[in-house]
Protein backbone atom coordinates (compact mmCIF):
# COMPACT_ATOMS: atom_id res chain seq x y z
CA MET A 1 25.68 -21.00 4.48
CA GLN A 2 28.94 -20.13 2.80
CA THR A 3 31.56 -18.08 4.67
CA THR A 4 31.46 -15.28 2.08
CA LEU A 5 27.69 -14.96 2.41
CA MET A 6 27.91 -14.82 6.21
CA HIS A 7 30.62 -12.14 5.97
CA VAL A 8 28.48 -9.96 3.70
CA ILE A 9 25.45 -10.25 5.97
CA LEU A 10 27.42 -9.55 9.16
CA THR A 11 29.14 -6.55 7.54
CA SER A 12 25.80 -5.11 6.48
CA LEU A 13 24.22 -5.69 9.90
CA PHE A 14 27.17 -4.15 11.72
CA PHE A 15 27.05 -1.06 9.56
CA LEU A 16 23.30 -0.63 9.99
CA HIS A 17 23.52 -1.12 13.77
CA THR A 18 26.32 1.37 14.32
CA CYS A 19 24.95 4.09 12.04
CA VAL A 20 22.06 5.80 13.83
CA ILE A 21 21.16 8.54 11.33
CA CYS A 22 22.76 7.25 8.17
CA GLY A 23 21.47 8.46 4.85
CA SER A 24 18.48 6.18 4.44
CA ALA A 25 18.97 5.71 0.70
CA SER A 26 22.45 4.27 1.29
CA LYS A 27 20.90 1.41 3.32
CA TRP A 28 18.33 -0.10 1.00
CA LEU A 29 20.39 0.63 -2.12
CA ALA A 30 22.56 -2.30 -1.05
CA ILE A 31 19.94 -4.60 -2.58
CA PHE A 32 21.41 -3.76 -5.99
CA ASN A 33 24.00 -6.44 -5.29
CA MET A 34 21.71 -9.36 -4.49
CA GLN A 35 24.21 -11.71 -6.10
CA ALA A 36 26.59 -11.06 -3.18
CA LEU A 37 23.96 -12.65 -0.96
CA GLY A 38 23.55 -15.60 -3.29
CA ILE A 39 20.16 -14.36 -4.55
CA SER A 40 19.77 -14.24 -8.32
CA THR A 41 16.10 -13.26 -8.17
CA ILE A 42 13.40 -12.81 -5.52
CA LYS A 43 11.49 -16.10 -5.62
CA SER A 44 10.05 -16.48 -2.12
CA PRO A 45 9.08 -14.33 0.89
CA ASP A 46 12.12 -15.74 2.71
CA ASN A 47 14.37 -13.87 0.24
CA CYS A 48 12.89 -10.59 1.47
CA GLU A 49 14.21 -11.31 4.97
CA GLU A 50 17.72 -11.76 3.53
CA LEU A 51 17.90 -8.37 1.83
CA PRO A 52 20.12 -5.94 3.76
CA GLY A 53 19.05 -2.47 4.77
CA LEU A 54 15.26 -2.83 4.62
CA VAL A 55 12.95 -1.70 7.43
CA ASN A 56 10.07 -3.98 8.39
CA LYS A 57 7.53 -2.17 6.21
CA GLN A 58 9.76 -2.57 3.16
CA ILE A 59 10.15 -6.28 3.93
CA GLN A 60 6.37 -6.62 4.03
CA ILE A 61 6.05 -4.73 0.73
CA CYS A 62 8.64 -7.09 -0.73
CA LYS A 63 6.69 -10.16 0.40
CA ARG A 64 3.50 -8.84 -1.22
CA ASN A 65 5.26 -7.83 -4.45
CA LEU A 66 7.88 -10.50 -5.13
CA GLU A 67 7.84 -10.04 -8.90
CA VAL A 68 8.45 -6.30 -8.59
CA MET A 69 11.54 -6.60 -6.41
CA ASP A 70 13.84 -7.53 -9.29
CA SER A 71 12.86 -4.19 -10.85
CA VAL A 72 13.61 -2.47 -7.53
CA SER A 73 17.07 -4.06 -7.52
CA LEU A 74 17.56 -2.92 -11.12
CA GLY A 75 16.45 0.59 -10.14
CA ALA A 76 19.00 0.68 -7.33
CA ASN A 77 21.70 -0.38 -9.78
CA LEU A 78 20.59 2.29 -12.27
CA ALA A 79 20.78 4.94 -9.54
CA ILE A 80 24.28 3.97 -8.43
CA MET A 81 25.68 3.81 -11.96
CA GLU A 82 24.06 7.11 -12.96
CA CYS A 83 25.38 8.81 -9.82
CA GLN A 84 28.88 7.63 -10.69
CA THR A 85 28.44 8.82 -14.28
CA GLN A 86 27.24 12.29 -13.32
CA PHE A 87 29.92 12.79 -10.65
CA GLN A 88 32.86 11.04 -12.29
CA ASN A 89 34.76 14.30 -12.68
CA ARG A 90 34.04 15.72 -9.23
CA ARG A 91 35.89 15.31 -5.94
CA TRP A 92 33.08 13.16 -4.56
CA ASN A 93 32.38 10.58 -7.25
CA CYS A 94 29.80 8.30 -5.62
CA SER A 95 32.38 5.74 -4.54
CA THR A 96 31.03 2.67 -2.79
CA VAL A 97 32.90 2.05 0.47
CA ASP A 98 32.73 0.63 3.99
CA GLY A 99 30.30 -2.21 3.35
CA SER A 100 27.58 0.22 2.29
CA VAL A 101 26.80 1.90 -0.99
CA PHE A 102 28.30 5.34 -0.37
CA GLY A 103 29.80 4.93 3.08
CA GLN A 104 28.87 7.56 5.64
CA VAL A 105 29.15 10.53 3.30
CA LEU A 106 25.36 10.74 3.28
CA ASP A 107 24.94 10.91 7.05
CA ASN A 108 24.61 14.69 6.92
CA GLY A 109 21.98 16.56 4.95
CA THR A 110 24.27 17.75 2.15
CA ARG A 111 23.67 18.30 -1.56
CA GLU A 112 25.18 14.89 -2.20
CA ALA A 113 22.63 13.23 0.08
CA ALA A 114 19.87 15.18 -1.69
CA PHE A 115 21.01 13.92 -5.09
CA VAL A 116 21.30 10.30 -3.95
CA ASN A 117 17.79 10.33 -2.49
CA ALA A 118 16.38 11.83 -5.67
CA ILE A 119 18.23 9.56 -8.12
CA SER A 120 17.42 6.40 -6.12
CA ALA A 121 13.69 7.18 -5.87
CA ALA A 122 13.71 7.96 -9.58
CA GLY A 123 15.61 4.74 -10.31
CA VAL A 124 12.94 2.59 -8.68
CA ALA A 125 10.12 4.47 -10.43
CA HIS A 126 11.88 4.20 -13.80
CA ALA A 127 12.72 0.49 -13.53
CA VAL A 128 9.27 -0.52 -12.27
CA THR A 129 7.58 1.51 -15.01
CA ARG A 130 9.80 -0.14 -17.62
CA GLY A 131 8.86 -3.53 -16.19
CA CYS A 132 5.19 -2.67 -16.61
CA SER A 133 5.58 -1.59 -20.23
CA SER A 134 7.70 -4.59 -21.21
CA GLY A 135 5.15 -7.07 -19.86
CA GLU A 136 7.53 -8.46 -17.25
CA LEU A 137 5.16 -7.57 -14.38
CA GLU A 138 1.72 -9.11 -14.09
CA LYS A 139 0.46 -6.43 -11.70
CA CYS A 140 0.65 -3.67 -14.26
CA GLY A 141 0.88 -3.02 -17.97
CA CYS A 142 0.72 -0.10 -20.36
CA ASP A 143 -1.09 3.06 -19.33
CA ARG A 144 -4.62 2.45 -20.59
CA THR A 145 -5.82 5.90 -19.57
CA VAL A 146 -4.04 7.34 -22.62
CA GLY A 147 -6.27 6.71 -25.65
CA GLY A 148 -8.70 8.15 -28.14
CA ASN A 149 -8.34 10.89 -30.73
CA SER A 150 -6.24 13.95 -30.06
CA ALA A 151 -7.41 17.48 -30.88
CA ASP A 152 -4.12 17.81 -32.78
CA GLY A 153 -5.17 15.20 -35.31
CA PHE A 154 -3.40 12.06 -34.11
CA VAL A 155 -4.57 8.93 -32.33
CA TRP A 156 -3.35 7.97 -28.87
CA ALA A 157 -2.34 4.33 -29.28
CA GLY A 158 0.59 2.03 -28.65
CA CYS A 159 1.98 1.31 -25.21
CA SER A 160 2.25 4.47 -23.13
CA ASP A 161 4.56 4.03 -20.14
CA ASN A 162 2.58 3.48 -16.96
CA VAL A 163 4.60 5.99 -14.99
CA ALA A 164 1.77 6.42 -12.46
CA TYR A 165 2.25 2.83 -11.25
CA GLY A 166 6.04 3.16 -11.12
CA VAL A 167 5.89 6.43 -9.20
CA GLN A 168 3.31 5.06 -6.75
CA PHE A 169 5.38 1.95 -6.04
CA SER A 170 8.51 4.04 -5.56
CA GLN A 171 6.66 6.28 -3.13
CA THR A 172 5.33 3.32 -1.16
CA PHE A 173 8.62 1.41 -1.02
CA VAL A 174 11.32 4.10 -0.89
CA ASP A 175 9.51 6.52 1.43
CA ALA A 176 8.76 3.72 3.91
CA MET A 177 12.37 4.03 5.06
CA GLU A 178 11.79 7.61 6.21
CA ARG A 179 8.83 6.66 8.39
CA LYS A 180 11.04 4.42 10.55
CA THR A 181 14.39 6.25 10.61
CA ARG A 182 15.73 7.72 13.84
CA ALA A 183 16.92 10.83 12.03
CA THR A 184 15.59 14.24 12.99
CA LEU A 185 12.26 15.49 11.65
CA GLU A 186 14.17 18.07 9.62
CA ARG A 187 16.22 15.35 7.90
CA ARG A 188 13.15 13.21 7.24
CA LEU A 189 11.42 16.19 5.62
CA MET A 190 14.49 16.77 3.46
CA ASN A 191 14.68 13.13 2.37
CA LEU A 192 10.98 12.88 1.58
CA HIS A 193 11.12 16.12 -0.41
CA ASN A 194 14.09 14.95 -2.49
CA ASN A 195 12.55 11.50 -3.04
CA GLU A 196 9.51 13.22 -4.51
CA ALA A 197 11.66 15.59 -6.58
CA GLY A 198 13.35 12.58 -8.20
CA ARG A 199 10.03 11.03 -9.14
CA ARG A 200 8.62 14.33 -10.41
CA THR A 201 11.62 14.67 -12.70
CA ILE A 202 10.39 11.60 -14.58
CA GLU A 203 6.81 12.85 -14.73
CA ASP A 204 7.84 16.35 -15.82
CA ASN A 205 9.99 15.01 -18.65
CA MET A 206 7.61 12.48 -20.21
CA ARG A 207 7.71 12.83 -23.97
CA MET A 208 5.47 11.99 -26.87
CA GLU A 209 6.62 9.49 -29.48
CA CYS A 210 4.72 8.98 -32.73
CA LYS A 211 4.60 6.69 -35.74
CA CYS A 212 3.21 7.56 -39.18
CA HIS A 213 0.97 5.19 -41.12
CA GLY A 214 0.12 5.38 -44.82
CA VAL A 215 1.12 4.42 -48.35
CA SER A 216 4.85 4.73 -49.08
CA GLY A 217 5.61 6.22 -45.70
CA SER A 218 3.04 9.00 -45.91
CA CYS A 219 1.53 10.26 -42.68
CA GLU A 220 -2.16 9.85 -43.45
CA MET A 221 -2.62 8.68 -39.88
CA LYS A 222 -0.33 9.19 -36.92
CA THR A 223 -0.44 7.25 -33.68
CA CYS A 224 1.33 8.51 -30.58
CA TRP A 225 2.10 7.34 -27.07
CA LYS A 226 3.76 8.72 -23.94
CA SER A 227 7.27 7.52 -23.16
CA MET A 228 9.69 8.03 -20.30
CA PRO A 229 13.00 9.79 -20.92
CA THR A 230 16.14 7.68 -20.72
CA PHE A 231 17.57 7.36 -17.24
CA GLY A 232 20.67 9.18 -18.44
CA ASP A 233 18.44 12.16 -19.22
CA ILE A 234 16.94 11.95 -15.74
CA GLY A 235 20.42 11.90 -14.22
CA GLN A 236 21.44 14.97 -16.20
CA VAL A 237 18.36 16.92 -15.08
CA LEU A 238 18.90 15.94 -11.45
CA LYS A 239 22.58 16.91 -11.69
CA GLU A 240 21.46 20.38 -12.81
CA LYS A 241 19.07 20.47 -9.85
CA PHE A 242 21.99 19.46 -7.61
CA ASP A 243 23.98 22.48 -8.82
CA GLY A 244 21.01 24.75 -8.13
CA ALA A 245 19.86 23.13 -4.87
CA THR A 246 18.44 25.32 -2.11
CA GLU A 247 19.80 25.34 1.44
CA VAL A 248 16.81 25.07 3.78
CA GLN A 249 15.83 24.93 7.42
CA SER A 250 12.76 23.62 9.19
CA LEU A 251 10.28 26.12 10.63
CA LYS A 252 6.88 25.61 12.21
CA ILE A 253 4.31 27.31 10.01
CA GLY A 254 0.85 26.98 11.47
CA SER A 255 0.62 23.47 12.87
CA ARG A 256 3.21 21.92 10.56
CA GLN A 257 6.98 21.86 10.25
CA GLN A 258 8.02 22.97 6.77
CA LEU A 259 11.29 23.48 4.92
CA VAL A 260 11.99 27.08 3.94
CA PRO A 261 15.09 28.70 2.37
CA ARG A 262 17.73 29.49 4.99
CA ASN A 263 18.43 32.73 3.12
CA ALA A 264 15.27 34.83 3.10
CA ASP A 265 16.39 36.53 -0.12
CA PHE A 266 16.11 33.25 -2.04
CA LYS A 267 12.82 32.42 -3.72
CA PRO A 268 10.96 29.41 -2.28
CA HIS A 269 11.89 26.08 -3.79
CA THR A 270 9.37 24.04 -5.76
CA SER A 271 8.40 20.42 -5.22
CA SER A 272 10.75 19.38 -8.04
CA ASP A 273 13.83 21.23 -6.72
CA LEU A 274 16.49 19.61 -4.54
CA VAL A 275 17.03 20.90 -1.02
CA TYR A 276 19.79 20.38 1.56
CA LEU A 277 20.42 21.30 5.21
CA VAL A 278 24.18 21.74 5.58
CA PRO A 279 27.05 22.74 3.25
CA SER A 280 29.14 19.93 1.78
CA PRO A 281 32.70 19.21 2.95
CA ASP A 282 35.46 19.80 0.41
CA PHE A 283 36.12 16.03 -0.02
CA CYS A 284 39.84 16.75 -0.45
CA GLU A 285 41.12 14.29 2.14
CA GLU A 286 40.18 10.77 3.14
CA ASP A 287 38.26 10.68 6.40
CA LEU A 288 36.42 8.24 8.61
CA LYS A 289 33.03 9.40 7.31
CA GLY A 290 33.52 7.71 3.98
CA SER A 291 35.21 10.31 1.81
CA LEU A 292 38.07 8.75 -0.15
CA GLY A 293 39.74 12.11 -0.84
CA THR A 294 41.30 12.96 -4.17
CA HIS A 295 44.84 11.60 -3.74
CA GLY A 296 45.68 9.55 -6.83
CA ARG A 297 42.61 10.74 -8.77
CA ARG A 298 43.07 11.56 -12.45
CA CYS A 299 42.68 15.19 -13.40
CA ASN A 300 42.59 17.34 -16.53
CA LYS A 301 45.68 19.54 -16.73
CA THR A 302 44.11 22.02 -19.15
CA SER A 303 40.67 22.35 -17.54
CA LYS A 304 39.71 25.21 -15.25
CA ALA A 305 36.57 23.38 -14.09
CA ILE A 306 36.21 21.02 -11.12
CA ASP A 307 37.87 18.20 -13.09
CA GLY A 308 40.98 20.36 -13.58
CA CYS A 309 44.12 19.50 -11.63
CA GLU A 310 44.07 22.70 -9.60
CA LEU A 311 40.59 22.15 -8.18
CA MET A 312 40.51 18.35 -8.16
CA CYS A 313 43.84 18.16 -6.32
CA CYS A 314 42.87 20.88 -3.83
CA GLY A 315 46.07 22.85 -4.56
CA ARG A 316 48.39 19.95 -3.63
CA GLY A 317 49.77 19.64 -7.14
CA PHE A 318 49.81 16.63 -9.42
CA ASN A 319 52.09 13.98 -10.86
CA THR A 320 52.50 13.28 -14.57
CA HIS A 321 53.38 9.96 -16.16
CA ILE A 322 53.21 8.42 -19.60
CA GLU A 323 50.89 5.53 -20.43
CA GLU A 324 50.65 3.47 -23.58
CA VAL A 325 47.13 2.82 -24.81
CA ILE A 326 45.96 0.41 -27.50
CA GLU A 327 43.12 1.51 -29.74
CA ARG A 328 41.34 0.02 -32.74
CA CYS A 329 42.20 1.93 -35.89
CA SER A 330 42.18 1.73 -39.70
CA CYS A 331 38.90 -0.16 -39.59
CA LYS A 332 37.62 -1.49 -42.93
CA PHE A 333 34.36 -3.15 -43.85
CA HIS A 334 34.79 -6.42 -45.76
CA TRP A 335 32.06 -7.89 -47.92
CA CYS A 336 30.29 -9.76 -46.43
CA CYS A 337 29.97 -9.01 -43.54
CA TYR A 338 32.56 -8.04 -40.98
CA VAL A 339 34.80 -5.14 -39.95
CA LYS A 340 38.53 -5.64 -39.58
CA CYS A 341 40.69 -3.22 -37.61
CA ARG A 342 44.32 -2.86 -36.63
CA ASN A 343 45.54 -2.26 -33.09
CA CYS A 344 47.30 1.09 -32.86
CA HIS A 345 49.60 2.04 -29.99
CA ARG A 346 49.96 5.59 -28.77
CA THR A 347 51.30 7.27 -25.64
CA VAL A 348 49.33 9.70 -23.52
CA GLU A 349 50.12 11.93 -20.57
CA VAL A 350 48.20 11.01 -17.43
CA HIS A 351 47.95 13.44 -14.54
CA THR A 352 47.09 12.29 -11.01
CA CYS A 353 46.65 14.27 -7.82
CA LYS A 354 49.42 14.24 -5.23
């Protein structure tokens, strides 16, 4: 075994051993980078044992579903990239640190932890569903329950996305982590709720796509199918849910512990809303829990929003310097068939937090 591979494995094992109640999503999401472990694709049950961050039940699921695990890895990668896209202009920007995906920022039940759980569960559901529809997975295919004639005059045909299979696999695989974590019951309830909210966001935003058939493009007959939204759309919806998340606490109602709004004046959350247990830190300074702080981060001098220098820099002020950028310009199409451009140089002001 190569030294680099051993280092990666030992780093992952050390982190998982020392972190008792880490955000569960931050553990298994590490499988997005299978290449770091020298695994290009899951080909044998032995590969499942090599994946960092999985509990025993997830390892067993992996061994029974080898062909699906590449989609799970893709879903983890989708989740990480979409998190970084949605939060690129915020103080916490989904940075990957400390040998784990998001460091220890997710240890506490904050809004950020809620979003990561939701986007990662959605990422697995989305990637597995896409694998079904594309024919990459033998265990599933298109949704054959969608068919026949519609009362609106079109025919259900084509390949409807089998979101039911993707959601079910996500629930089985992702939620297995919560059954074995040593976190409190309250935190497990929060994680399971947000996992489900992520998956429901896909289901609630399924759309209908149609194609017309007929002479010269007429629409004498129209066939339609159900399609998932893009994952960017899912990320945007979940980001809006993040902004409107409900702070909750666990109360025993009847014989069960349930999450209820901490503020009694707030209306109860729905199964598709995000919930959190504790307020978020300000993320202004670097700390041992994984926050990188905002020193050196770029900011927008003219913006009054969170990406503006005043808020992003936490009142510390900012530095300004000039950078030269090279852009393609004066592009012309030449027959046939290429585009030729010039390289244009211009200077821009760049502002970074002190």
